[in-house]
Amino acid sequence: MAASFEFLSAPLATDPGDEALGRCEALLAWRPPARLAARAPRLAWIQSLTAGVEHWLASPDLPPDALLTCARGVHRIQMPENILAALFLAAKDLPGIVLDQRERRWRRRVPDVLAGKTLGILGLGTIGAEVARKAAALEMRVIGTRRSPAPVAHAERVLGPEGTAEVLAEADFVLLLLPSTPLTRGLIDRKALALMKPGAWLLNFARGDLVVEADLVEAVTARRIAGAVLDVFTAEPLPPDSPLWRTEGVVVLPHVGGHHPRRDELVAGLWVDNLRRFAAGKALLHVVDRARGY
C-alpha cells in the first residue's frame, strides 16, 4: 500500500505553529523553529535545506533523537565552476583589469598560468573531488586532505588532517572546503598562513569561521601571501567596516559559491527522494553524524 502524506507549509520568516509541529513527523527547514524539540514530539526526521548544518547542531532546539539529513551534493555543478572562476580571477588579475577599464587606463600585464601550479584542497569530499577533476583538465597538480585519506581520482596525494601543514606549504592555491566543526574553526590563523608560499592564494568556499580574518588581513597586507578570494565570512552580510573590503589583494564574493538558477529544484529533488525512503523505511541520504559535525 502506497504511503500518503499531509503537507503543511509555512513561509521562512514565520513559525509553523504548535498544532502543525505537534503532528509533524518529517520537517524540511532552513533553521529549527523555536523550541522545536518540545513542540514536535513525533518528529523523526529533519531535512536541512543547506549542506552545512552547524546552525542546526548548535541549536538547543534540535530534537536529540531525530535523524538530521543535509543537502550535500546539490552544489556539485555550480560550486566547482565558481571555484574555477576564483582561480582564474586570482591568476589573471581580473579585478585589476576591471578597475583599469573603469579608469580608462591601458595597462598591459603578463597573466600567470594555472597549468603546472599546485592546488591544495583541504576537504576532499564530493565538491573537492569534482574540483580536482576539473583542475586536472587545466593541467594543475592537486593534493589535499580528507578525514579518511583514501585515494581520490585526479589527486596526486591525499593526506589525513595531520597533513594540513604539508598541503599549506606546497600549494600555490589553498582551497578550503571543510565543514565548520570544533576542530576546523580558526584553522587558518597566523601560524597556518605563515606556512603558505609568499605567492600563494587562499580560496574559502566553505565556512567563514575557518579563517581568522584579522590574521588574514595582516598576512595579505604584509604580502606574506599573495591574496585571498573569499565567498564566506564570520559575519554575513559582511559589515561595511570590515577591513576585508579595503584590503588590496582580497576579493570579496557575496556568498554566491553554491547558488544555482535551479537550486530550489535540486534540493526539492533530494527531499522527494529522501521522503520516499522515509516512507519505505529505507536508509536516508546524507545523514549527519552529530559527533563529527557534518
Protein backbone atom coordinates (compact mmCIF):
# COMPACT_ATOMS: atom_id res chain seq x y z
CA MET A 1 0.00 0.00 0.00
CA ALA A 2 1.41 3.39 -1.00
CA ALA A 3 2.15 5.84 1.80
CA SER A 4 0.28 9.11 1.93
CA PHE A 5 1.41 12.39 3.41
CA GLU A 6 -0.21 15.58 4.53
CA PHE A 7 1.98 18.56 3.65
CA LEU A 8 1.88 21.67 5.80
CA SER A 9 3.89 24.71 4.71
CA ALA A 10 4.90 28.00 6.30
CA PRO A 11 6.97 30.91 4.91
CA LEU A 12 10.59 31.01 6.07
CA ALA A 13 10.09 34.04 8.28
CA THR A 14 7.07 32.60 10.11
CA ASP A 15 6.53 29.93 12.74
CA PRO A 16 4.60 26.80 11.66
CA GLY A 17 2.55 26.87 14.85
CA ASP A 18 2.11 24.44 17.71
CA GLU A 19 -0.67 22.42 16.07
CA ALA A 20 1.34 21.71 12.91
CA LEU A 21 4.55 20.91 14.77
CA GLY A 22 2.71 18.66 17.18
CA ARG A 23 1.61 16.43 14.26
CA CYS A 24 4.86 16.68 12.32
CA GLU A 25 6.89 13.52 11.63
CA ALA A 26 9.22 14.96 8.97
CA LEU A 27 10.43 18.53 8.58
CA LEU A 28 12.07 20.39 5.68
CA ALA A 29 13.52 23.64 7.01
CA TRP A 30 16.29 26.22 6.84
CA ARG A 31 16.69 26.57 10.60
CA PRO A 32 14.96 24.97 13.61
CA PRO A 33 11.78 26.70 14.80
CA ALA A 34 11.89 27.91 18.39
CA ARG A 35 11.53 25.12 20.99
CA LEU A 36 11.28 22.52 18.22
CA ALA A 37 12.21 19.60 20.46
CA ALA A 38 9.41 20.38 22.93
CA ARG A 39 6.79 21.25 20.31
CA ALA A 40 7.35 18.34 17.90
CA PRO A 41 7.29 15.14 19.97
CA ARG A 42 6.57 12.95 16.89
CA LEU A 43 9.37 14.37 14.75
CA ALA A 44 11.57 11.56 13.41
CA TRP A 45 13.45 13.22 10.55
CA ILE A 46 14.67 16.70 9.62
CA GLN A 47 15.90 17.60 6.13
CA SER A 48 18.07 20.71 6.15
CA LEU A 49 17.84 22.98 3.11
CA THR A 50 21.59 23.54 3.32
CA ALA A 51 24.70 21.38 3.07
CA GLY A 52 26.25 22.96 6.16
CA VAL A 53 24.43 22.10 9.39
CA GLU A 54 26.43 23.88 12.09
CA HIS A 55 23.43 26.16 12.80
CA TRP A 56 21.31 23.06 13.44
CA LEU A 57 23.87 21.33 15.62
CA ALA A 58 24.45 24.46 17.69
CA SER A 59 20.74 24.92 18.38
CA PRO A 60 19.29 23.88 21.75
CA ASP A 61 16.01 23.36 19.88
CA LEU A 62 17.27 20.38 17.84
CA PRO A 63 15.47 17.19 18.94
CA PRO A 64 18.10 14.76 20.23
CA ASP A 65 16.61 11.66 18.62
CA ALA A 66 15.52 12.95 15.20
CA LEU A 67 17.57 12.00 12.16
CA LEU A 68 19.15 15.08 10.54
CA THR A 69 19.97 14.98 6.83
CA CYS A 70 21.65 17.74 4.84
CA ALA A 71 21.59 18.94 1.24
CA ARG A 72 25.06 17.61 0.47
CA GLY A 73 25.67 17.11 -3.23
CA VAL A 74 23.32 19.77 -4.62
CA HIS A 75 26.32 22.08 -5.20
CA ARG A 76 28.23 19.62 -7.40
CA ILE A 77 27.95 21.73 -10.57
CA GLN A 78 27.86 25.37 -9.52
CA MET A 79 30.39 25.30 -6.68
CA PRO A 80 33.30 23.85 -8.71
CA GLU A 81 32.54 26.28 -11.55
CA ASN A 82 32.64 29.23 -9.16
CA ILE A 83 35.87 27.92 -7.65
CA LEU A 84 37.40 27.73 -11.13
CA ALA A 85 36.29 31.31 -11.68
CA ALA A 86 38.13 32.28 -8.49
CA LEU A 87 41.29 30.52 -9.68
CA PHE A 88 41.20 32.41 -12.98
CA LEU A 89 40.36 35.63 -11.17
CA ALA A 90 43.47 35.29 -8.99
CA ALA A 91 45.88 34.03 -11.64
CA LYS A 92 44.87 36.51 -14.33
CA ASP A 93 44.37 39.57 -12.05
CA LEU A 94 40.89 40.09 -13.43
CA PRO A 95 39.87 42.55 -10.66
CA GLY A 96 42.78 44.82 -11.62
CA ILE A 97 41.82 44.69 -15.28
CA VAL A 98 38.22 45.62 -14.50
CA LEU A 99 39.38 48.54 -12.35
CA ASP A 100 41.68 49.71 -15.14
CA GLN A 101 38.73 49.83 -17.50
CA ARG A 102 36.76 51.95 -15.06
CA GLU A 103 39.67 54.44 -15.02
CA ARG A 104 40.14 54.14 -18.82
CA ARG A 105 43.70 53.05 -18.12
CA TRP A 106 45.53 50.89 -20.71
CA ARG A 107 47.95 48.77 -18.69
CA ARG A 108 49.30 45.59 -20.24
CA ARG A 109 50.01 42.69 -17.92
CA VAL A 110 51.63 39.27 -18.04
CA PRO A 111 48.92 36.99 -16.62
CA ASP A 112 50.10 33.96 -14.67
CA VAL A 113 49.16 30.44 -15.76
CA LEU A 114 47.33 27.72 -13.84
CA ALA A 115 48.99 24.84 -15.70
CA GLY A 116 51.74 23.36 -13.57
CA LYS A 117 50.54 25.04 -10.38
CA THR A 118 49.62 23.08 -7.25
CA LEU A 119 46.08 23.27 -5.93
CA GLY A 120 45.82 22.19 -2.31
CA ILE A 121 42.31 21.24 -1.22
CA LEU A 122 41.54 21.00 2.48
CA GLY A 123 38.39 18.88 2.50
CA LEU A 124 38.48 16.50 -0.47
CA GLY A 125 34.84 15.49 -0.35
CA THR A 126 32.27 15.45 -3.13
CA ILE A 127 32.91 19.05 -4.19
CA GLY A 128 36.66 18.73 -3.77
CA ALA A 129 36.76 15.62 -5.95
CA GLU A 130 34.87 17.44 -8.70
CA VAL A 131 37.22 20.43 -8.43
CA ALA A 132 40.18 18.04 -8.67
CA ARG A 133 38.76 16.55 -11.87
CA LYS A 134 38.30 19.94 -13.47
CA ALA A 135 41.66 21.24 -12.23
CA ALA A 136 43.43 18.23 -13.73
CA ALA A 137 41.96 19.19 -17.11
CA LEU A 138 43.73 22.53 -16.66
CA GLU A 139 47.00 20.63 -16.06
CA MET A 140 47.12 21.57 -12.40
CA ARG A 141 48.63 19.30 -9.77
CA VAL A 142 46.16 18.52 -6.98
CA ILE A 143 46.94 17.47 -3.42
CA GLY A 144 44.70 17.60 -0.38
CA THR A 145 43.36 16.30 2.88
CA ARG A 146 40.30 14.40 3.96
CA ARG A 147 39.24 12.74 7.18
CA SER A 148 39.82 9.28 5.69
CA PRO A 149 42.85 9.64 3.38
CA ALA A 150 41.69 7.19 0.69
CA PRO A 151 42.77 7.88 -2.90
CA VAL A 152 40.77 10.45 -4.86
CA ALA A 153 40.77 10.45 -8.65
CA HIS A 154 42.88 13.25 -10.17
CA ALA A 155 44.57 13.99 -6.81
CA GLU A 156 48.26 13.16 -6.73
CA ARG A 157 48.36 12.82 -2.95
CA VAL A 158 45.63 12.58 -0.32
CA LEU A 159 46.58 13.01 3.33
CA GLY A 160 44.72 12.88 6.61
CA PRO A 161 44.05 16.04 8.64
CA GLU A 162 47.55 15.74 10.08
CA GLY A 163 48.85 16.56 6.59
CA THR A 164 47.34 20.06 6.58
CA ALA A 165 50.68 21.79 7.15
CA GLU A 166 52.23 19.87 4.27
CA VAL A 167 49.46 20.94 1.90
CA LEU A 168 49.68 24.57 3.03
CA ALA A 169 53.43 24.61 2.39
CA GLU A 170 53.25 23.09 -1.12
CA ALA A 171 50.17 24.70 -2.62
CA ASP A 172 50.09 27.73 -4.91
CA PHE A 173 46.34 27.91 -4.25
CA VAL A 174 44.82 26.67 -0.98
CA LEU A 175 41.12 25.87 -1.28
CA LEU A 176 39.04 25.46 1.87
CA LEU A 177 36.10 23.04 1.61
CA LEU A 178 35.95 21.86 5.21
CA PRO A 179 32.83 21.83 7.38
CA SER A 180 32.62 24.06 10.43
CA THR A 181 33.41 21.91 13.46
CA PRO A 182 35.26 22.46 16.76
CA LEU A 183 38.38 21.04 15.06
CA THR A 184 38.26 23.31 11.99
CA ARG A 185 37.10 26.66 13.36
CA GLY A 186 40.00 29.11 13.30
CA LEU A 187 42.16 26.59 11.42
CA ILE A 188 43.62 29.23 9.12
CA ASP A 189 45.28 31.54 11.60
CA ARG A 190 48.57 33.40 11.72
CA LYS A 191 50.51 30.16 12.20
CA ALA A 192 48.83 28.42 9.26
CA LEU A 193 49.21 31.43 6.98
CA ALA A 194 52.92 31.55 7.79
CA LEU A 195 53.27 28.07 6.27
CA MET A 196 51.96 29.20 2.88
CA LYS A 197 54.14 30.36 0.00
CA PRO A 198 54.56 34.13 -0.40
CA GLY A 199 52.95 33.87 -3.84
CA ALA A 200 50.08 31.62 -2.72
CA TRP A 201 46.38 32.46 -2.71
CA LEU A 202 43.76 31.38 -0.19
CA LEU A 203 40.28 30.50 -1.50
CA ASN A 204 37.50 29.96 1.03
CA PHE A 205 34.26 28.49 -0.28
CA ALA A 206 33.41 26.55 2.89
CA ARG A 207 32.60 28.41 6.10
CA GLY A 208 33.74 31.82 7.26
CA ASP A 209 34.77 30.72 10.73
CA LEU A 210 37.55 28.51 9.33
CA VAL A 211 39.63 31.68 8.87
CA VAL A 212 40.82 34.13 11.49
CA GLU A 213 40.04 37.20 9.41
CA ALA A 214 42.31 39.62 11.28
CA ASP A 215 45.26 37.28 10.73
CA LEU A 216 44.42 37.01 7.04
CA VAL A 217 44.23 40.79 6.61
CA GLU A 218 47.63 41.08 8.29
CA ALA A 219 49.20 38.39 6.09
CA VAL A 220 47.87 39.86 2.83
CA THR A 221 48.74 43.43 3.79
CA ALA A 222 52.30 42.40 4.68
CA ARG A 223 52.48 40.37 1.41
CA ARG A 224 53.26 37.19 3.29
CA ILE A 225 50.75 35.62 0.90
CA ALA A 226 49.60 36.97 -2.46
CA GLY A 227 45.91 37.33 -1.66
CA ALA A 228 42.59 35.67 -1.00
CA VAL A 229 39.25 35.09 -2.69
CA LEU A 230 36.57 34.76 -0.02
CA ASP A 231 32.98 33.67 -0.56
CA VAL A 232 32.11 33.19 3.12
CA PHE A 233 32.69 35.25 6.27
CA THR A 234 32.28 35.06 10.03
CA ALA A 235 29.50 37.68 9.80
CA GLU A 236 27.20 37.89 6.79
CA PRO A 237 26.41 40.19 5.12
CA LEU A 238 30.00 41.36 5.56
CA PRO A 239 29.82 44.53 7.73
CA PRO A 240 30.70 47.78 5.91
CA ASP A 241 33.51 48.46 8.40
CA SER A 242 35.25 45.11 7.84
CA PRO A 243 38.87 45.64 6.75
CA LEU A 244 38.42 42.83 4.22
CA TRP A 245 36.56 45.27 1.95
CA ARG A 246 39.54 47.56 1.62
CA THR A 247 42.49 45.16 1.81
CA GLU A 248 44.29 45.13 -1.53
CA GLY A 249 44.66 41.53 -2.63
CA VAL A 250 41.42 40.33 -1.01
CA VAL A 251 38.44 39.71 -3.29
CA VAL A 252 35.04 39.65 -1.56
CA LEU A 253 32.30 37.49 -3.09
CA PRO A 254 28.80 37.82 -1.57
CA HIS A 255 28.37 34.10 -0.71
CA VAL A 256 27.44 33.04 -4.23
CA GLY A 257 29.52 29.85 -4.49
CA GLY A 258 26.59 27.50 -4.04
CA HIS A 259 23.98 29.49 -5.92
CA HIS A 260 22.34 27.89 -8.93
CA PRO A 261 19.39 29.15 -11.00
CA ARG A 262 17.61 25.88 -10.18
CA ARG A 263 18.94 25.31 -6.66
CA ASP A 264 15.46 25.01 -5.13
CA GLU A 265 14.60 22.30 -7.65
CA LEU A 266 17.78 20.39 -6.80
CA VAL A 267 17.04 20.49 -3.07
CA ALA A 268 13.41 19.55 -3.73
CA GLY A 269 14.58 16.53 -5.72
CA LEU A 270 16.72 15.38 -2.79
CA TRP A 271 13.83 15.95 -0.41
CA VAL A 272 11.44 13.85 -2.52
CA ASP A 273 14.00 11.06 -2.82
CA ASN A 274 14.53 11.02 0.93
CA LEU A 275 10.78 11.25 1.57
CA ARG A 276 10.24 8.10 -0.47
CA ARG A 277 12.98 6.37 1.51
CA PHE A 278 11.46 7.60 4.78
CA ALA A 279 8.05 6.21 3.82
CA ALA A 280 9.58 2.86 2.84
CA GLY A 281 11.70 2.59 5.97
CA LYS A 282 14.92 2.73 3.93
CA ALA A 283 18.19 4.42 4.84
CA LEU A 284 18.14 8.17 4.13
CA LEU A 285 20.70 10.01 2.03
CA HIS A 286 23.26 12.34 3.60
CA VAL A 287 22.56 11.62 7.27
CA VAL A 288 24.55 13.97 9.50
CA ASP A 289 26.95 12.46 12.04
CA ARG A 290 26.31 14.74 15.00
CA ALA A 291 29.56 13.77 16.71
CA ARG A 292 31.62 14.77 13.67
CA GLY A 293 29.55 17.85 12.90
CA TYR A 294 28.69 17.06 9.26
